[in-house]
Amino acid sequence: MHTHNVNSKTATTTPPERWGAKSTSLRMDGFITDVSSSHPFDVIRADAVISRLSKKAHQGCGLHAEIYEYNLIVSAMAHLKRLPEKDHPAFLHAAEKQGLTLTDEELVRSANAYCDLRNELFEEE
């Protein structure tokens, strides 16, 4: 007969964490889930995502700061909504470091500035 001695003081009733287990802890290492990847465990630096969104917003803005800012805030907030909750603080922190505030108030402010500029541009034509 085989016996297994188990120290009841150190034995645990909860299973050990396994690789690939779902993590609910907040990420604060600057990395976020790569939502564009097909692999669920791929990560990307949050500041790299913000830089990529910034370059994309710069295209087609016609060197108008209001258009650029509005496009950047809209795309960053859309990306934020696609992220899991645990990645929100890291993404928001990276945005803050680059001078970008992702709030509803900031979105409304930039949308108003964008609309005012578009009205001015249409009046000039």
N, C-alpha and C. Protein backbone atom coordinates (compact mmCIF):
# COMPACT_ATOMS: atom_id res chain seq x y z
N MET A 1 0.84 -1.16 0.00
CA MET A 1 0.00 0.00 0.00
C MET A 1 0.89 1.24 0.00
N HIS A 2 0.54 2.16 -0.87
CA HIS A 2 1.30 3.40 -0.93
C HIS A 2 0.63 4.44 -0.05
N THR A 3 1.43 5.09 0.71
CA THR A 3 0.89 6.17 1.54
C THR A 3 1.58 7.46 1.18
N HIS A 4 0.88 8.51 1.38
CA HIS A 4 1.43 9.83 1.07
C HIS A 4 1.27 10.69 2.32
N ASN A 5 2.39 11.09 2.85
CA ASN A 5 2.34 11.94 4.04
C ASN A 5 2.12 13.38 3.61
N VAL A 6 1.08 13.98 4.13
CA VAL A 6 0.76 15.37 3.81
C VAL A 6 0.75 16.15 5.10
N ASN A 7 1.49 17.22 5.10
CA ASN A 7 1.49 18.10 6.26
C ASN A 7 0.23 18.95 6.19
N SER A 8 -0.67 18.74 7.10
CA SER A 8 -1.96 19.44 7.05
C SER A 8 -1.82 20.93 7.29
N LYS A 9 -0.74 21.37 7.92
CA LYS A 9 -0.55 22.79 8.17
C LYS A 9 -0.16 23.54 6.89
N THR A 10 0.54 22.90 5.99
CA THR A 10 0.98 23.58 4.77
C THR A 10 0.14 23.20 3.56
N ALA A 11 -0.69 22.19 3.69
CA ALA A 11 -1.52 21.78 2.56
C ALA A 11 -2.60 22.83 2.32
N THR A 12 -2.91 23.03 1.07
CA THR A 12 -3.92 24.03 0.72
C THR A 12 -5.12 23.36 0.08
N THR A 13 -6.26 23.95 0.27
CA THR A 13 -7.47 23.42 -0.34
C THR A 13 -7.76 24.09 -1.67
N THR A 14 -7.09 25.21 -1.95
CA THR A 14 -7.32 25.89 -3.22
C THR A 14 -6.29 25.40 -4.23
N PRO A 15 -6.71 25.22 -5.47
CA PRO A 15 -5.76 24.74 -6.47
C PRO A 15 -4.72 25.83 -6.79
N PRO A 16 -3.51 25.42 -7.11
CA PRO A 16 -2.49 26.41 -7.45
C PRO A 16 -2.83 27.10 -8.77
N GLU A 17 -2.30 28.34 -8.93
CA GLU A 17 -2.55 29.05 -10.19
C GLU A 17 -1.84 28.30 -11.32
N ARG A 18 -2.48 28.29 -12.44
CA ARG A 18 -1.90 27.63 -13.60
C ARG A 18 -1.59 28.65 -14.66
N TRP A 19 -0.69 28.30 -15.54
CA TRP A 19 -0.37 29.19 -16.65
C TRP A 19 -1.61 29.37 -17.50
N GLY A 20 -1.89 30.61 -17.84
CA GLY A 20 -3.04 30.90 -18.68
C GLY A 20 -4.33 31.08 -17.92
N ALA A 21 -4.27 31.00 -16.60
CA ALA A 21 -5.49 31.22 -15.82
C ALA A 21 -5.90 32.69 -15.95
N LYS A 22 -7.18 32.92 -15.90
CA LYS A 22 -7.68 34.29 -16.02
C LYS A 22 -7.22 35.10 -14.82
N SER A 23 -6.63 36.24 -15.11
CA SER A 23 -6.17 37.12 -14.06
C SER A 23 -7.12 38.30 -13.94
N THR A 24 -7.52 38.59 -12.72
CA THR A 24 -8.41 39.73 -12.51
C THR A 24 -7.67 40.89 -11.86
N SER A 25 -6.39 40.71 -11.58
CA SER A 25 -5.64 41.80 -10.95
C SER A 25 -5.33 42.88 -11.98
N LEU A 26 -5.28 44.11 -11.49
CA LEU A 26 -5.03 45.24 -12.38
C LEU A 26 -3.59 45.23 -12.84
N ARG A 27 -3.39 45.58 -14.10
CA ARG A 27 -2.04 45.67 -14.64
C ARG A 27 -1.53 47.08 -14.45
N MET A 28 -0.35 47.22 -13.90
CA MET A 28 0.26 48.52 -13.75
C MET A 28 1.70 48.50 -14.25
N ASP A 29 2.02 47.56 -15.14
CA ASP A 29 3.37 47.45 -15.65
C ASP A 29 3.54 48.14 -17.00
N GLY A 30 2.50 48.84 -17.47
CA GLY A 30 2.60 49.56 -18.74
C GLY A 30 2.15 48.73 -19.93
N PHE A 31 1.85 47.47 -19.72
CA PHE A 31 1.39 46.61 -20.80
C PHE A 31 -0.12 46.42 -20.70
N ILE A 32 -0.74 46.27 -21.87
CA ILE A 32 -2.18 46.02 -21.93
C ILE A 32 -2.43 44.86 -22.89
N THR A 33 -3.61 44.31 -22.85
CA THR A 33 -3.99 43.24 -23.77
C THR A 33 -4.01 43.79 -25.19
N ASP A 34 -3.43 43.04 -26.11
CA ASP A 34 -3.42 43.45 -27.51
C ASP A 34 -4.74 42.99 -28.14
N VAL A 35 -5.70 43.91 -28.25
CA VAL A 35 -7.02 43.55 -28.74
C VAL A 35 -7.02 43.24 -30.24
N SER A 36 -5.97 43.63 -30.95
CA SER A 36 -5.92 43.35 -32.38
C SER A 36 -5.31 41.98 -32.66
N SER A 37 -4.81 41.30 -31.64
CA SER A 37 -4.20 40.00 -31.81
C SER A 37 -5.24 38.90 -31.71
N SER A 38 -4.99 37.81 -32.41
CA SER A 38 -5.90 36.67 -32.33
C SER A 38 -5.59 35.78 -31.12
N HIS A 39 -4.42 35.96 -30.53
CA HIS A 39 -4.04 35.18 -29.36
C HIS A 39 -4.47 35.93 -28.10
N PRO A 40 -5.22 35.31 -27.21
CA PRO A 40 -5.79 36.03 -26.06
C PRO A 40 -4.78 36.49 -25.02
N PHE A 41 -3.55 35.98 -25.05
CA PHE A 41 -2.58 36.34 -24.03
C PHE A 41 -1.51 37.30 -24.53
N ASP A 42 -1.63 37.81 -25.75
CA ASP A 42 -0.67 38.77 -26.28
C ASP A 42 -0.87 40.12 -25.60
N VAL A 43 0.24 40.77 -25.31
CA VAL A 43 0.19 42.10 -24.70
C VAL A 43 1.02 43.06 -25.54
N ILE A 44 0.78 44.35 -25.33
CA ILE A 44 1.49 45.40 -26.04
C ILE A 44 1.64 46.57 -25.07
N ARG A 45 2.70 47.35 -25.26
CA ARG A 45 2.89 48.51 -24.39
C ARG A 45 1.79 49.53 -24.66
N ALA A 46 1.22 50.08 -23.61
CA ALA A 46 0.12 51.04 -23.75
C ALA A 46 0.59 52.31 -24.44
N ASP A 47 1.82 52.76 -24.16
CA ASP A 47 2.30 53.98 -24.81
C ASP A 47 2.53 53.77 -26.30
N ALA A 48 2.83 52.55 -26.71
CA ALA A 48 2.97 52.26 -28.14
C ALA A 48 1.62 52.35 -28.84
N VAL A 49 0.57 51.91 -28.16
CA VAL A 49 -0.78 52.00 -28.73
C VAL A 49 -1.18 53.46 -28.86
N ILE A 50 -0.90 54.27 -27.83
CA ILE A 50 -1.23 55.70 -27.88
C ILE A 50 -0.46 56.37 -29.02
N SER A 51 0.81 56.03 -29.18
CA SER A 51 1.61 56.61 -30.28
C SER A 51 1.04 56.23 -31.64
N ARG A 52 0.63 54.98 -31.77
CA ARG A 52 0.04 54.52 -33.02
C ARG A 52 -1.27 55.25 -33.32
N LEU A 53 -2.09 55.43 -32.30
CA LEU A 53 -3.34 56.17 -32.47
C LEU A 53 -3.07 57.64 -32.80
N SER A 54 -2.01 58.19 -32.23
CA SER A 54 -1.64 59.57 -32.49
C SER A 54 -1.23 59.76 -33.95
N LYS A 55 -0.43 58.83 -34.47
CA LYS A 55 -0.02 58.92 -35.88
C LYS A 55 -1.22 58.80 -36.80
N LYS A 56 -2.14 57.92 -36.46
CA LYS A 56 -3.34 57.73 -37.27
C LYS A 56 -4.22 58.97 -37.23
N ALA A 57 -4.33 59.62 -36.07
CA ALA A 57 -5.15 60.82 -35.93
C ALA A 57 -4.54 61.99 -36.68
N HIS A 58 -3.21 61.98 -36.80
CA HIS A 58 -2.52 63.07 -37.49
C HIS A 58 -2.78 63.05 -39.00
N GLN A 59 -3.03 61.87 -39.53
CA GLN A 59 -3.34 61.75 -40.95
C GLN A 59 -4.71 62.34 -41.21
N GLY A 60 -4.79 63.25 -42.13
CA GLY A 60 -6.07 63.82 -42.52
C GLY A 60 -6.58 64.92 -41.62
N CYS A 61 -5.73 65.42 -40.71
CA CYS A 61 -6.21 66.49 -39.82
C CYS A 61 -5.98 67.86 -40.45
N GLY A 62 -5.22 67.92 -41.54
CA GLY A 62 -4.99 69.20 -42.20
C GLY A 62 -4.24 70.19 -41.33
N LEU A 63 -3.43 69.69 -40.41
CA LEU A 63 -2.64 70.50 -39.48
C LEU A 63 -3.50 71.39 -38.60
N HIS A 64 -4.73 70.98 -38.36
CA HIS A 64 -5.61 71.68 -37.42
C HIS A 64 -5.58 70.91 -36.10
N ALA A 65 -5.18 71.58 -35.05
CA ALA A 65 -5.04 70.92 -33.74
C ALA A 65 -6.37 70.39 -33.24
N GLU A 66 -7.45 71.09 -33.52
CA GLU A 66 -8.76 70.67 -33.02
C GLU A 66 -9.20 69.35 -33.65
N ILE A 67 -8.94 69.21 -34.95
CA ILE A 67 -9.31 67.97 -35.64
C ILE A 67 -8.45 66.82 -35.14
N TYR A 68 -7.14 67.08 -35.00
CA TYR A 68 -6.23 66.06 -34.50
C TYR A 68 -6.64 65.60 -33.10
N GLU A 69 -6.88 66.55 -32.21
CA GLU A 69 -7.23 66.22 -30.84
C GLU A 69 -8.53 65.43 -30.76
N TYR A 70 -9.52 65.85 -31.52
CA TYR A 70 -10.81 65.15 -31.52
C TYR A 70 -10.64 63.71 -32.04
N ASN A 71 -9.94 63.55 -33.15
CA ASN A 71 -9.72 62.21 -33.71
C ASN A 71 -8.96 61.32 -32.74
N LEU A 72 -7.96 61.89 -32.07
CA LEU A 72 -7.17 61.10 -31.12
C LEU A 72 -8.00 60.68 -29.92
N ILE A 73 -8.78 61.60 -29.37
CA ILE A 73 -9.59 61.26 -28.20
C ILE A 73 -10.65 60.22 -28.55
N VAL A 74 -11.29 60.38 -29.70
CA VAL A 74 -12.32 59.42 -30.11
C VAL A 74 -11.71 58.03 -30.30
N SER A 75 -10.57 57.94 -30.99
CA SER A 75 -9.97 56.63 -31.23
C SER A 75 -9.42 56.03 -29.94
N ALA A 76 -8.87 56.85 -29.05
CA ALA A 76 -8.35 56.33 -27.79
C ALA A 76 -9.48 55.83 -26.89
N MET A 77 -10.58 56.55 -26.86
CA MET A 77 -11.71 56.11 -26.04
C MET A 77 -12.35 54.84 -26.63
N ALA A 78 -12.37 54.73 -27.94
CA ALA A 78 -12.88 53.50 -28.57
C ALA A 78 -11.98 52.32 -28.22
N HIS A 79 -10.66 52.55 -28.23
CA HIS A 79 -9.73 51.49 -27.87
C HIS A 79 -9.89 51.11 -26.40
N LEU A 80 -10.09 52.10 -25.56
CA LEU A 80 -10.28 51.86 -24.13
C LEU A 80 -11.50 50.98 -23.87
N LYS A 81 -12.57 51.20 -24.63
CA LYS A 81 -13.79 50.40 -24.45
C LYS A 81 -13.59 48.95 -24.87
N ARG A 82 -12.65 48.71 -25.79
CA ARG A 82 -12.39 47.34 -26.24
C ARG A 82 -11.51 46.57 -25.26
N LEU A 83 -10.82 47.28 -24.36
CA LEU A 83 -9.90 46.64 -23.42
C LEU A 83 -10.65 46.01 -22.25
N PRO A 84 -10.09 44.94 -21.68
CA PRO A 84 -10.66 44.41 -20.44
C PRO A 84 -10.47 45.42 -19.31
N GLU A 85 -11.33 45.35 -18.31
CA GLU A 85 -11.30 46.30 -17.18
C GLU A 85 -9.93 46.36 -16.51
N LYS A 86 -9.24 45.22 -16.41
CA LYS A 86 -7.97 45.20 -15.70
C LYS A 86 -6.89 46.03 -16.40
N ASP A 87 -7.07 46.34 -17.69
CA ASP A 87 -6.08 47.11 -18.43
C ASP A 87 -6.38 48.60 -18.48
N HIS A 88 -7.55 49.02 -18.02
CA HIS A 88 -7.93 50.43 -18.08
C HIS A 88 -6.94 51.35 -17.36
N PRO A 89 -6.53 51.04 -16.12
CA PRO A 89 -5.61 51.96 -15.44
C PRO A 89 -4.28 52.15 -16.18
N ALA A 90 -3.72 51.08 -16.73
CA ALA A 90 -2.45 51.19 -17.45
C ALA A 90 -2.61 52.04 -18.71
N PHE A 91 -3.72 51.86 -19.42
CA PHE A 91 -3.96 52.64 -20.64
C PHE A 91 -4.19 54.10 -20.30
N LEU A 92 -4.98 54.38 -19.27
CA LEU A 92 -5.24 55.76 -18.87
C LEU A 92 -3.97 56.44 -18.37
N HIS A 93 -3.13 55.70 -17.67
CA HIS A 93 -1.86 56.26 -17.18
C HIS A 93 -0.94 56.61 -18.35
N ALA A 94 -0.87 55.73 -19.34
CA ALA A 94 -0.03 56.01 -20.52
C ALA A 94 -0.56 57.22 -21.28
N ALA A 95 -1.87 57.35 -21.36
CA ALA A 95 -2.47 58.50 -22.04
C ALA A 95 -2.15 59.78 -21.28
N GLU A 96 -2.26 59.74 -19.96
CA GLU A 96 -1.95 60.92 -19.13
C GLU A 96 -0.49 61.33 -19.29
N LYS A 97 0.41 60.34 -19.36
CA LYS A 97 1.83 60.65 -19.53
C LYS A 97 2.10 61.38 -20.84
N GLN A 98 1.27 61.12 -21.86
CA GLN A 98 1.44 61.78 -23.15
C GLN A 98 0.54 63.01 -23.28
N GLY A 99 -0.05 63.44 -22.17
CA GLY A 99 -0.85 64.67 -22.17
C GLY A 99 -2.26 64.51 -22.69
N LEU A 100 -2.77 63.31 -22.67
CA LEU A 100 -4.11 63.04 -23.20
C LEU A 100 -5.04 62.65 -22.05
N THR A 101 -6.12 63.39 -21.90
CA THR A 101 -7.10 63.10 -20.86
C THR A 101 -8.30 62.42 -21.50
N LEU A 102 -8.62 61.23 -21.05
CA LEU A 102 -9.71 60.46 -21.64
C LEU A 102 -10.92 60.46 -20.71
N THR A 103 -11.67 61.55 -20.76
CA THR A 103 -12.91 61.66 -19.99
C THR A 103 -14.02 62.10 -20.92
N ASP A 104 -15.24 61.92 -20.47
CA ASP A 104 -16.39 62.36 -21.27
C ASP A 104 -16.39 63.88 -21.43
N GLU A 105 -15.98 64.59 -20.38
CA GLU A 105 -15.93 66.05 -20.45
C GLU A 105 -14.93 66.51 -21.50
N GLU A 106 -13.79 65.84 -21.54
CA GLU A 106 -12.76 66.20 -22.53
C GLU A 106 -13.24 65.87 -23.94
N LEU A 107 -13.97 64.79 -24.09
CA LEU A 107 -14.53 64.44 -25.39
C LEU A 107 -15.52 65.51 -25.86
N VAL A 108 -16.39 65.96 -24.97
CA VAL A 108 -17.37 66.99 -25.32
C VAL A 108 -16.66 68.29 -25.68
N ARG A 109 -15.64 68.66 -24.89
CA ARG A 109 -14.90 69.88 -25.17
C ARG A 109 -14.22 69.83 -26.53
N SER A 110 -13.57 68.70 -26.83
CA SER A 110 -12.89 68.59 -28.12
C SER A 110 -13.89 68.49 -29.27
N ALA A 111 -15.05 67.88 -29.04
CA ALA A 111 -16.08 67.81 -30.08
C ALA A 111 -16.62 69.20 -30.39
N ASN A 112 -16.81 70.02 -29.36
CA ASN A 112 -17.27 71.39 -29.59
C ASN A 112 -16.24 72.20 -30.37
N ALA A 113 -14.97 72.06 -30.01
CA ALA A 113 -13.91 72.77 -30.73
C ALA A 113 -13.83 72.29 -32.18
N TYR A 114 -14.00 71.00 -32.39
CA TYR A 114 -13.99 70.41 -33.73
C TYR A 114 -15.14 70.97 -34.57
N CYS A 115 -16.33 71.02 -33.99
CA CYS A 115 -17.50 71.54 -34.72
C CYS A 115 -17.35 73.02 -35.03
N ASP A 116 -16.82 73.79 -34.07
CA ASP A 116 -16.60 75.22 -34.31
C ASP A 116 -15.62 75.43 -35.46
N LEU A 117 -14.54 74.66 -35.48
CA LEU A 117 -13.56 74.79 -36.55
C LEU A 117 -14.17 74.41 -37.89
N ARG A 118 -14.92 73.33 -37.92
CA ARG A 118 -15.55 72.92 -39.19
C ARG A 118 -16.51 73.99 -39.69
N ASN A 119 -17.27 74.61 -38.79
CA ASN A 119 -18.17 75.69 -39.20
C ASN A 119 -17.38 76.86 -39.76
N GLU A 120 -16.26 77.22 -39.14
CA GLU A 120 -15.42 78.30 -39.64
C GLU A 120 -14.88 77.97 -41.03
N LEU A 121 -14.43 76.73 -41.20
CA LEU A 121 -13.87 76.33 -42.49
C LEU A 121 -14.94 76.34 -43.58
N PHE A 122 -16.16 75.93 -43.26
CA PHE A 122 -17.23 75.96 -44.26
C PHE A 122 -17.64 77.38 -44.60
N GLU A 123 -17.58 78.28 -43.63
CA GLU A 123 -17.92 79.68 -43.88
C GLU A 123 -16.89 80.35 -44.79
N GLU A 124 -15.63 79.93 -44.68
CA GLU A 124 -14.57 80.51 -45.51
C GLU A 124 -14.72 80.11 -46.97
N GLU A 125 -15.31 78.98 -47.23
CA GLU A 125 -15.45 78.51 -48.62
C GLU A 125 -16.49 79.27 -49.29
